[in-house]
Amino acid sequence: MQTMFRSAHLCASAVGLALFTTAAQADGPGQEGQGASWSLGLGVGSETSPYRGVDTETKALPVLAFENAHVRLFGPSLDVKLPSTGAVSWALRARYSDQGYKASDAAELAGMAERKGGFWLGGRADWRQPWGQLSGEWLADASDRSGGQQFKLEASQRFPLGGVSVRPHIGLVWQDRSMVDYYYGVGQQESRPGRAAYAGKSTLNTELGLQVMVPLAPGHSVMMGLTHTLLGSGIKNSPLVDRSGVSAVRAAYIFRF
């Protein structure tokens, strides 16, 4: 039961973030003077875990997003908008991350100290061009769990197909040595036969994804998404990991008002 609860919590956080990001950015960053908008709904999502023995779980979760001229809230992320410079919009970002594990999550993690999630602080920039959008995000561990940081660069484009909106995207996520070592490293005291000590190294993950939004009526829509992340060698080489990539599938009904 503990394993199922932890996996479901991780799944809910990751899927919730993806859904809320889509809802909040569906019409692009808010402009100065815009009114407030809310999005409510219900979603379902499933995500594989990179850790050995941790099962994939599928769970339902609520969807909530809010945006006005000054802030944007979507799932575990909160943006404080800064003045735009031309085609580039800027924001300060705070995010709660529930990544990590407990030794009780899987037999393969027995003897490992708990790795906890926490709050991350940083910034985001979105650069709109005729060919699409280029986004950059930098976050540092404000909870001082890992003492790490990560940087994400993503390119995306939205294509209207009749009334349906299709958005493919590709991203590169660099995670520094401290972050990888905390979540995927194995200390000497945690090593066991078949689980050698491992010092994590900085790594570069690749994200591939596709999001689809289908309007049903004014203010009502269904959103679907598929994401696959190719893990970098710093993570794949960890004895705690038995996959070269992880996938997430999600869908949600959204009412925006």
C-alpha atoms as a PDB file:
ATOM      1  CA  MET A   1       0.000   0.000   0.000  1.00  0.00           C
ATOM      2  CA  GLN A   2       2.832   2.399   0.786  1.00  0.00           C
ATOM      3  CA  THR A   3       4.365   1.725  -2.613  1.00  0.00           C
ATOM      4  CA  MET A   4       1.059   2.383  -4.363  1.00  0.00           C
ATOM      5  CA  PHE A   5       0.468   5.592  -2.389  1.00  0.00           C
ATOM      6  CA  ARG A   6       3.922   6.966  -3.125  1.00  0.00           C
ATOM      7  CA  SER A   7       3.734   6.091  -6.820  1.00  0.00           C
ATOM      8  CA  ALA A   8       0.294   7.653  -7.104  1.00  0.00           C
ATOM      9  CA  HIS A   9       1.507  10.841  -5.401  1.00  0.00           C
ATOM     10  CA  LEU A  10       4.446  11.118  -7.783  1.00  0.00           C
ATOM     11  CA  CYS A  11       2.184  10.456 -10.735  1.00  0.00           C
ATOM     12  CA  ALA A  12      -0.339  13.056  -9.616  1.00  0.00           C
ATOM     13  CA  SER A  13       2.337  15.734  -9.229  1.00  0.00           C
ATOM     14  CA  ALA A  14       3.952  15.090 -12.599  1.00  0.00           C
ATOM     15  CA  VAL A  15       0.713  14.701 -14.533  1.00  0.00           C
ATOM     16  CA  GLY A  16      -0.879  17.643 -12.760  1.00  0.00           C
ATOM     17  CA  LEU A  17       2.010  19.877 -13.749  1.00  0.00           C
ATOM     18  CA  ALA A  18       1.732  18.870 -17.401  1.00  0.00           C
ATOM     19  CA  LEU A  19      -2.020  19.419 -17.489  1.00  0.00           C
ATOM     20  CA  PHE A  20      -1.907  22.760 -15.714  1.00  0.00           C
ATOM     21  CA  THR A  21       0.910  23.982 -17.942  1.00  0.00           C
ATOM     22  CA  THR A  22      -1.219  23.194 -20.975  1.00  0.00           C
ATOM     23  CA  ALA A  23      -4.276  24.894 -19.518  1.00  0.00           C
ATOM     24  CA  ALA A  24      -2.375  28.007 -18.471  1.00  0.00           C
ATOM     25  CA  GLN A  25      -0.522  28.386 -21.767  1.00  0.00           C
ATOM     26  CA  ALA A  26      -3.334  27.401 -24.106  1.00  0.00           C
ATOM     27  CA  ASP A  27      -3.772  30.987 -25.298  1.00  0.00           C
ATOM     28  CA  GLY A  28      -0.257  32.167 -24.589  1.00  0.00           C
ATOM     29  CA  PRO A  29       1.120  34.322 -21.761  1.00  0.00           C
ATOM     30  CA  GLY A  30      -1.290  36.891 -20.360  1.00  0.00           C
ATOM     31  CA  GLN A  31      -1.020  40.468 -21.467  1.00  0.00           C
ATOM     32  CA  GLU A  32      -0.977  43.517 -19.267  1.00  0.00           C
ATOM     33  CA  GLY A  33      -4.490  44.548 -18.268  1.00  0.00           C
ATOM     34  CA  GLN A  34      -6.111  41.184 -18.939  1.00  0.00           C
ATOM     35  CA  GLY A  35      -8.829  39.946 -16.631  1.00  0.00           C
ATOM     36  CA  ALA A  36      -8.454  36.949 -14.372  1.00  0.00           C
ATOM     37  CA  SER A  37      -9.233  33.497 -15.746  1.00  0.00           C
ATOM     38  CA  TRP A  38      -9.821  30.223 -13.943  1.00  0.00           C
ATOM     39  CA  SER A  39      -9.673  26.661 -15.227  1.00  0.00           C
ATOM     40  CA  LEU A  40     -11.234  23.736 -13.395  1.00  0.00           C
ATOM     41  CA  GLY A  41     -11.562  20.116 -14.372  1.00  0.00           C
ATOM     42  CA  LEU A  42     -10.742  16.503 -13.766  1.00  0.00           C
ATOM     43  CA  GLY A  43      -7.840  14.586 -15.224  1.00  0.00           C
ATOM     44  CA  VAL A  44      -6.400  11.090 -15.264  1.00  0.00           C
ATOM     45  CA  GLY A  45      -2.765  10.226 -15.789  1.00  0.00           C
ATOM     46  CA  SER A  46      -0.211   7.442 -15.728  1.00  0.00           C
ATOM     47  CA  GLU A  47       3.573   7.732 -15.477  1.00  0.00           C
ATOM     48  CA  THR A  48       6.353   5.180 -15.327  1.00  0.00           C
ATOM     49  CA  SER A  49       9.019   5.519 -12.640  1.00  0.00           C
ATOM     50  CA  PRO A  50      12.739   5.279 -13.401  1.00  0.00           C
ATOM     51  CA  TYR A  51      13.363   3.407 -10.130  1.00  0.00           C
ATOM     52  CA  ARG A  52      13.627  -0.363 -10.044  1.00  0.00           C
ATOM     53  CA  GLY A  53      10.582  -2.125  -8.684  1.00  0.00           C
ATOM     54  CA  VAL A  54       8.345   0.959  -8.460  1.00  0.00           C
ATOM     55  CA  ASP A  55       5.108   0.202 -10.294  1.00  0.00           C
ATOM     56  CA  THR A  56       3.301   2.398 -12.773  1.00  0.00           C
ATOM     57  CA  GLU A  57       0.084   3.798 -11.339  1.00  0.00           C
ATOM     58  CA  THR A  58      -2.920   5.389 -13.006  1.00  0.00           C
ATOM     59  CA  LYS A  59      -4.905   7.855 -10.938  1.00  0.00           C
ATOM     60  CA  ALA A  60      -7.513  10.587 -11.291  1.00  0.00           C
ATOM     61  CA  LEU A  61      -6.729  14.089 -10.070  1.00  0.00           C
ATOM     62  CA  PRO A  62      -8.374  17.520  -9.996  1.00  0.00           C
ATOM     63  CA  VAL A  63      -7.246  20.284 -12.355  1.00  0.00           C
ATOM     64  CA  LEU A  64      -6.915  23.886 -11.175  1.00  0.00           C
ATOM     65  CA  ALA A  65      -5.300  26.869 -12.884  1.00  0.00           C
ATOM     66  CA  PHE A  66      -5.485  30.637 -12.430  1.00  0.00           C
ATOM     67  CA  GLU A  67      -3.995  33.522 -14.388  1.00  0.00           C
ATOM     68  CA  ASN A  68      -4.190  37.295 -14.445  1.00  0.00           C
ATOM     69  CA  ALA A  69      -1.867  40.091 -15.565  1.00  0.00           C
ATOM     70  CA  HIS A  70       0.530  39.509 -12.668  1.00  0.00           C
ATOM     71  CA  VAL A  71       0.578  35.822 -11.698  1.00  0.00           C
ATOM     72  CA  ARG A  72       0.013  32.410 -13.215  1.00  0.00           C
ATOM     73  CA  LEU A  73      -0.777  29.342 -11.091  1.00  0.00           C
ATOM     74  CA  PHE A  74      -0.819  25.870 -12.587  1.00  0.00           C
ATOM     75  CA  GLY A  75      -0.530  22.773 -10.444  1.00  0.00           C
ATOM     76  CA  PRO A  76       2.563  22.904  -8.244  1.00  0.00           C
ATOM     77  CA  SER A  77       4.014  25.940 -10.078  1.00  0.00           C
ATOM     78  CA  LEU A  78       3.484  29.647  -9.424  1.00  0.00           C
ATOM     79  CA  ASP A  79       4.820  32.344 -11.756  1.00  0.00           C
ATOM     80  CA  VAL A  80       5.175  36.023 -10.948  1.00  0.00           C
ATOM     81  CA  LYS A  81       5.180  37.818 -14.280  1.00  0.00           C
ATOM     82  CA  LEU A  82       7.842  40.367 -15.126  1.00  0.00           C
ATOM     83  CA  PRO A  83       7.704  43.054 -17.846  1.00  0.00           C
ATOM     84  CA  SER A  84       8.122  41.633 -21.337  1.00  0.00           C
ATOM     85  CA  THR A  85      10.915  42.725 -23.660  1.00  0.00           C
ATOM     86  CA  GLY A  86       9.678  42.566 -27.210  1.00  0.00           C
ATOM     87  CA  ALA A  87       8.731  39.001 -28.105  1.00  0.00           C
ATOM     88  CA  VAL A  88      10.210  37.619 -24.861  1.00  0.00           C
ATOM     89  CA  SER A  89       8.090  37.235 -21.730  1.00  0.00           C
ATOM     90  CA  TRP A  90       9.769  36.740 -18.332  1.00  0.00           C
ATOM     91  CA  ALA A  91       8.627  35.328 -15.004  1.00  0.00           C
ATOM     92  CA  LEU A  92       9.953  34.348 -11.599  1.00  0.00           C
ATOM     93  CA  ARG A  93       8.961  30.763 -10.825  1.00  0.00           C
ATOM     94  CA  ALA A  94       8.354  28.747  -7.667  1.00  0.00           C
ATOM     95  CA  ARG A  95       7.586  25.037  -7.923  1.00  0.00           C
ATOM     96  CA  TYR A  96       6.985  22.189  -5.530  1.00  0.00           C
ATOM     97  CA  SER A  97       8.446  18.878  -6.664  1.00  0.00           C
ATOM     98  CA  ASP A  98       7.471  15.543  -5.140  1.00  0.00           C
ATOM     99  CA  GLN A  99      10.222  13.524  -6.763  1.00  0.00           C
ATOM    100  CA  GLY A 100      12.190  11.040  -4.718  1.00  0.00           C
ATOM    101  CA  TYR A 101      11.340   7.824  -2.910  1.00  0.00           C
ATOM    102  CA  LYS A 102      11.167   5.903   0.350  1.00  0.00           C
ATOM    103  CA  ALA A 103      12.927   2.597   0.940  1.00  0.00           C
ATOM    104  CA  SER A 104       9.489   1.026   1.411  1.00  0.00           C
ATOM    105  CA  ASP A 105       8.444   1.923  -2.144  1.00  0.00           C
ATOM    106  CA  ALA A 106      10.115  -1.200  -3.574  1.00  0.00           C
ATOM    107  CA  ALA A 107      12.187  -4.170  -2.413  1.00  0.00           C
ATOM    108  CA  GLU A 108      15.010  -2.942  -4.654  1.00  0.00           C
ATOM    109  CA  LEU A 109      15.218   0.254  -2.570  1.00  0.00           C
ATOM    110  CA  ALA A 110      15.576  -1.509   0.773  1.00  0.00           C
ATOM    111  CA  GLY A 111      18.404   0.026   2.803  1.00  0.00           C
ATOM    112  CA  MET A 112      18.309   3.336   0.932  1.00  0.00           C
ATOM    113  CA  ALA A 113      17.809   6.573   2.865  1.00  0.00           C
ATOM    114  CA  GLU A 114      14.699   8.520   1.906  1.00  0.00           C
ATOM    115  CA  ARG A 115      15.058  11.057  -0.903  1.00  0.00           C
ATOM    116  CA  LYS A 116      12.628  13.934  -0.511  1.00  0.00           C
ATOM    117  CA  GLY A 117      11.109  16.469  -2.856  1.00  0.00           C
ATOM    118  CA  GLY A 118      10.938  20.146  -2.034  1.00  0.00           C
ATOM    119  CA  PHE A 119      10.577  23.700  -3.308  1.00  0.00           C
ATOM    120  CA  TRP A 120      12.488  24.988  -6.293  1.00  0.00           C
ATOM    121  CA  LEU A 121      12.956  28.644  -7.224  1.00  0.00           C
ATOM    122  CA  GLY A 122      14.140  30.229 -10.435  1.00  0.00           C
ATOM    123  CA  GLY A 123      12.937  31.885 -13.592  1.00  0.00           C
ATOM    124  CA  ARG A 124      11.416  31.274 -16.995  1.00  0.00           C
ATOM    125  CA  ALA A 125      11.572  33.013 -20.372  1.00  0.00           C
ATOM    126  CA  ASP A 126       9.325  32.439 -23.410  1.00  0.00           C
ATOM    127  CA  TRP A 127      10.390  33.725 -26.814  1.00  0.00           C
ATOM    128  CA  ARG A 128       7.631  33.743 -29.419  1.00  0.00           C
ATOM    129  CA  GLN A 129       8.545  33.546 -33.085  1.00  0.00           C
ATOM    130  CA  PRO A 130       6.575  32.882 -36.286  1.00  0.00           C
ATOM    131  CA  TRP A 131       7.936  29.329 -36.352  1.00  0.00           C
ATOM    132  CA  GLY A 132       6.893  28.582 -32.751  1.00  0.00           C
ATOM    133  CA  GLN A 133       8.036  29.218 -29.210  1.00  0.00           C
ATOM    134  CA  LEU A 134      11.384  28.732 -27.497  1.00  0.00           C
ATOM    135  CA  SER A 135      11.272  28.485 -23.695  1.00  0.00           C
ATOM    136  CA  GLY A 136      14.010  28.401 -21.086  1.00  0.00           C
ATOM    137  CA  GLU A 137      13.645  27.555 -17.397  1.00  0.00           C
ATOM    138  CA  TRP A 138      16.233  27.552 -14.619  1.00  0.00           C
ATOM    139  CA  LEU A 139      15.442  26.187 -11.150  1.00  0.00           C
ATOM    140  CA  ALA A 140      17.519  25.717  -7.996  1.00  0.00           C
ATOM    141  CA  ASP A 141      16.658  23.581  -4.962  1.00  0.00           C
ATOM    142  CA  ALA A 142      15.447  26.112  -2.375  1.00  0.00           C
ATOM    143  CA  SER A 143      14.749  23.345   0.182  1.00  0.00           C
ATOM    144  CA  ASP A 144      18.452  22.444   0.198  1.00  0.00           C
ATOM    145  CA  ARG A 145      17.690  18.736  -0.121  1.00  0.00           C
ATOM    146  CA  SER A 146      19.874  18.052  -3.112  1.00  0.00           C
ATOM    147  CA  GLY A 147      21.557  21.459  -3.339  1.00  0.00           C
ATOM    148  CA  GLY A 148      21.150  21.011  -7.076  1.00  0.00           C
ATOM    149  CA  GLN A 149      19.858  22.910 -10.058  1.00  0.00           C
ATOM    150  CA  GLN A 150      18.475  22.192 -13.486  1.00  0.00           C
ATOM    151  CA  PHE A 151      17.996  24.029 -16.765  1.00  0.00           C
ATOM    152  CA  LYS A 152      15.389  23.227 -19.420  1.00  0.00           C
ATOM    153  CA  LEU A 153      15.282  24.444 -23.017  1.00  0.00           C
ATOM    154  CA  GLU A 154      12.141  23.609 -25.007  1.00  0.00           C
ATOM    155  CA  ALA A 155      10.898  24.303 -28.526  1.00  0.00           C
ATOM    156  CA  SER A 156       7.225  23.944 -29.403  1.00  0.00           C
ATOM    157  CA  GLN A 157       4.697  24.896 -32.039  1.00  0.00           C
ATOM    158  CA  ARG A 158       0.908  24.820 -32.020  1.00  0.00           C
ATOM    159  CA  PHE A 159      -0.911  23.694 -35.177  1.00  0.00           C
ATOM    160  CA  PRO A 160      -4.662  24.234 -35.646  1.00  0.00           C
ATOM    161  CA  LEU A 161      -6.316  21.294 -37.396  1.00  0.00           C
ATOM    162  CA  GLY A 162      -9.889  22.357 -37.879  1.00  0.00           C
ATOM    163  CA  GLY A 163     -11.086  23.077 -34.369  1.00  0.00           C
ATOM    164  CA  VAL A 164      -8.435  20.847 -32.801  1.00  0.00           C
ATOM    165  CA  SER A 165      -5.111  22.225 -31.551  1.00  0.00           C
ATOM    166  CA  VAL A 166      -2.006  20.007 -31.792  1.00  0.00           C
ATOM    167  CA  ARG A 167       1.228  20.999 -30.043  1.00  0.00           C
ATOM    168  CA  PRO A 168       4.397  18.893 -30.504  1.00  0.00           C
ATOM    169  CA  HIS A 169       7.373  19.838 -28.366  1.00  0.00           C
ATOM    170  CA  ILE A 170      10.954  18.779 -27.747  1.00  0.00           C
ATOM    171  CA  GLY A 171      13.092  19.724 -24.777  1.00  0.00           C
ATOM    172  CA  LEU A 172      16.533  19.277 -23.292  1.00  0.00           C
ATOM    173  CA  VAL A 173      16.824  19.128 -19.494  1.00  0.00           C
ATOM    174  CA  TRP A 174      20.262  19.483 -17.907  1.00  0.00           C
ATOM    175  CA  GLN A 175      20.558  18.404 -14.266  1.00  0.00           C
ATOM    176  CA  ASP A 176      23.724  19.087 -12.300  1.00  0.00           C
ATOM    177  CA  ARG A 177      25.819  16.561 -10.386  1.00  0.00           C
ATOM    178  CA  SER A 178      24.337  17.426  -6.990  1.00  0.00           C
ATOM    179  CA  MET A 179      20.777  16.837  -8.143  1.00  0.00           C
ATOM    180  CA  VAL A 180      21.544  13.554  -9.914  1.00  0.00           C
ATOM    181  CA  ASP A 181      23.663  12.294  -7.028  1.00  0.00           C
ATOM    182  CA  TYR A 182      20.924  13.009  -4.474  1.00  0.00           C
ATOM    183  CA  TYR A 183      18.117  11.274  -6.348  1.00  0.00           C
ATOM    184  CA  TYR A 184      20.051   8.518  -8.126  1.00  0.00           C
ATOM    185  CA  GLY A 185      23.304   8.123  -6.213  1.00  0.00           C
ATOM    186  CA  VAL A 186      24.093   5.256  -3.819  1.00  0.00           C
ATOM    187  CA  GLY A 187      26.239   5.987  -0.765  1.00  0.00           C
ATOM    188  CA  GLN A 188      28.807   3.550   0.567  1.00  0.00           C
ATOM    189  CA  GLN A 189      26.574   2.768   3.544  1.00  0.00           C
ATOM    190  CA  GLU A 190      23.655   2.095   1.155  1.00  0.00           C
ATOM    191  CA  SER A 191      25.521  -0.325  -1.102  1.00  0.00           C
ATOM    192  CA  ARG A 192      24.508  -3.988  -1.130  1.00  0.00           C
ATOM    193  CA  PRO A 193      25.360  -7.042  -3.211  1.00  0.00           C
ATOM    194  CA  GLY A 194      23.953  -6.201  -6.623  1.00  0.00           C
ATOM    195  CA  ARG A 195      23.763  -2.488  -5.745  1.00  0.00           C
ATOM    196  CA  ALA A 196      27.193  -0.907  -5.890  1.00  0.00           C
ATOM    197  CA  ALA A 197      27.967   2.548  -4.550  1.00  0.00           C
ATOM    198  CA  TYR A 198      27.353   5.162  -7.213  1.00  0.00           C
ATOM    199  CA  ALA A 199      28.222   8.859  -7.390  1.00  0.00           C
ATOM    200  CA  GLY A 200      25.828  10.680  -9.695  1.00  0.00           C
ATOM    201  CA  LYS A 201      27.105  12.862 -12.520  1.00  0.00           C
ATOM    202  CA  SER A 202      25.487  15.776 -14.328  1.00  0.00           C
ATOM    203  CA  THR A 203      23.282  14.583 -17.137  1.00  0.00           C
ATOM    204  CA  LEU A 204      21.180  15.719 -20.091  1.00  0.00           C
ATOM    205  CA  ASN A 205      17.695  14.293 -20.601  1.00  0.00           C
ATOM    206  CA  THR A 206      15.659  14.636 -23.797  1.00  0.00           C
ATOM    207  CA  GLU A 207      11.887  15.146 -23.680  1.00  0.00           C
ATOM    208  CA  LEU A 208       9.565  14.437 -26.603  1.00  0.00           C
ATOM    209  CA  GLY A 209       5.884  15.210 -26.340  1.00  0.00           C
ATOM    210  CA  LEU A 210       2.587  15.838 -28.043  1.00  0.00           C
ATOM    211  CA  GLN A 211      -0.419  17.717 -26.618  1.00  0.00           C
ATOM    212  CA  VAL A 212      -3.868  17.822 -28.180  1.00  0.00           C
ATOM    213  CA  MET A 213      -6.747  20.137 -27.195  1.00  0.00           C
ATOM    214  CA  VAL A 214     -10.253  19.416 -28.455  1.00  0.00           C
ATOM    215  CA  PRO A 215     -12.877  22.142 -27.814  1.00  0.00           C
ATOM    216  CA  LEU A 216     -16.329  20.835 -26.981  1.00  0.00           C
ATOM    217  CA  ALA A 217     -18.234  24.087 -26.408  1.00  0.00           C
ATOM    218  CA  PRO A 218     -17.333  27.642 -25.358  1.00  0.00           C
ATOM    219  CA  GLY A 219     -15.175  27.279 -22.245  1.00  0.00           C
ATOM    220  CA  HIS A 220     -15.216  23.469 -22.369  1.00  0.00           C
ATOM    221  CA  SER A 221     -12.396  21.333 -23.763  1.00  0.00           C
ATOM    222  CA  VAL A 222     -10.651  17.986 -23.513  1.00  0.00           C
ATOM    223  CA  MET A 223      -6.860  17.895 -23.311  1.00  0.00           C
ATOM    224  CA  MET A 224      -4.660  14.899 -23.975  1.00  0.00           C
ATOM    225  CA  GLY A 225      -0.900  14.506 -23.808  1.00  0.00           C
ATOM    226  CA  LEU A 226       1.894  12.002 -24.296  1.00  0.00           C
ATOM    227  CA  THR A 227       5.460  12.595 -23.123  1.00  0.00           C
ATOM    228  CA  HIS A 228       8.527  10.375 -23.303  1.00  0.00           C
ATOM    229  CA  THR A 229      11.781  11.326 -21.597  1.00  0.00           C
ATOM    230  CA  LEU A 230      15.061   9.756 -22.681  1.00  0.00           C
ATOM    231  CA  LEU A 231      17.241   9.616 -19.570  1.00  0.00           C
ATOM    232  CA  GLY A 232      20.836  10.782 -19.726  1.00  0.00           C
ATOM    233  CA  SER A 233      23.740   8.497 -18.850  1.00  0.00           C
ATOM    234  CA  GLY A 234      24.182  10.034 -15.398  1.00  0.00           C
ATOM    235  CA  ILE A 235      20.768   8.616 -14.467  1.00  0.00           C
ATOM    236  CA  LYS A 236      20.717   5.464 -16.610  1.00  0.00           C
ATOM    237  CA  ASN A 237      24.006   4.260 -15.109  1.00  0.00           C
ATOM    238  CA  SER A 238      22.626   4.350 -11.571  1.00  0.00           C
ATOM    239  CA  PRO A 239      22.038   0.899 -10.028  1.00  0.00           C
ATOM    240  CA  LEU A 240      18.675   2.243  -8.843  1.00  0.00           C
ATOM    241  CA  VAL A 241      17.445   2.663 -12.430  1.00  0.00           C
ATOM    242  CA  ASP A 242      16.415  -0.059 -14.868  1.00  0.00           C
ATOM    243  CA  ARG A 243      15.047   2.013 -17.765  1.00  0.00           C
ATOM    244  CA  SER A 244      16.486   4.178 -20.506  1.00  0.00           C
ATOM    245  CA  GLY A 245      13.381   6.353 -20.524  1.00  0.00           C
ATOM    246  CA  VAL A 246      10.100   7.121 -18.791  1.00  0.00           C
ATOM    247  CA  SER A 247       6.699   7.919 -20.289  1.00  0.00           C
ATOM    248  CA  ALA A 248       3.600   9.775 -19.148  1.00  0.00           C
ATOM    249  CA  VAL A 249       0.081   9.695 -20.583  1.00  0.00           C
ATOM    250  CA  ARG A 250      -2.640  12.081 -19.428  1.00  0.00           C
ATOM    251  CA  ALA A 251      -6.090  13.356 -20.317  1.00  0.00           C
ATOM    252  CA  ALA A 252      -8.408  15.890 -18.733  1.00  0.00           C
ATOM    253  CA  TYR A 253     -11.707  17.658 -19.109  1.00  0.00           C
ATOM    254  CA  ILE A 254     -11.257  21.425 -18.585  1.00  0.00           C
ATOM    255  CA  PHE A 255     -13.798  24.176 -17.981  1.00  0.00           C
ATOM    256  CA  ARG A 256     -12.337  27.663 -18.364  1.00  0.00           C
ATOM    257  CA  PHE A 257     -14.161  30.766 -17.111  1.00  0.00           C
END
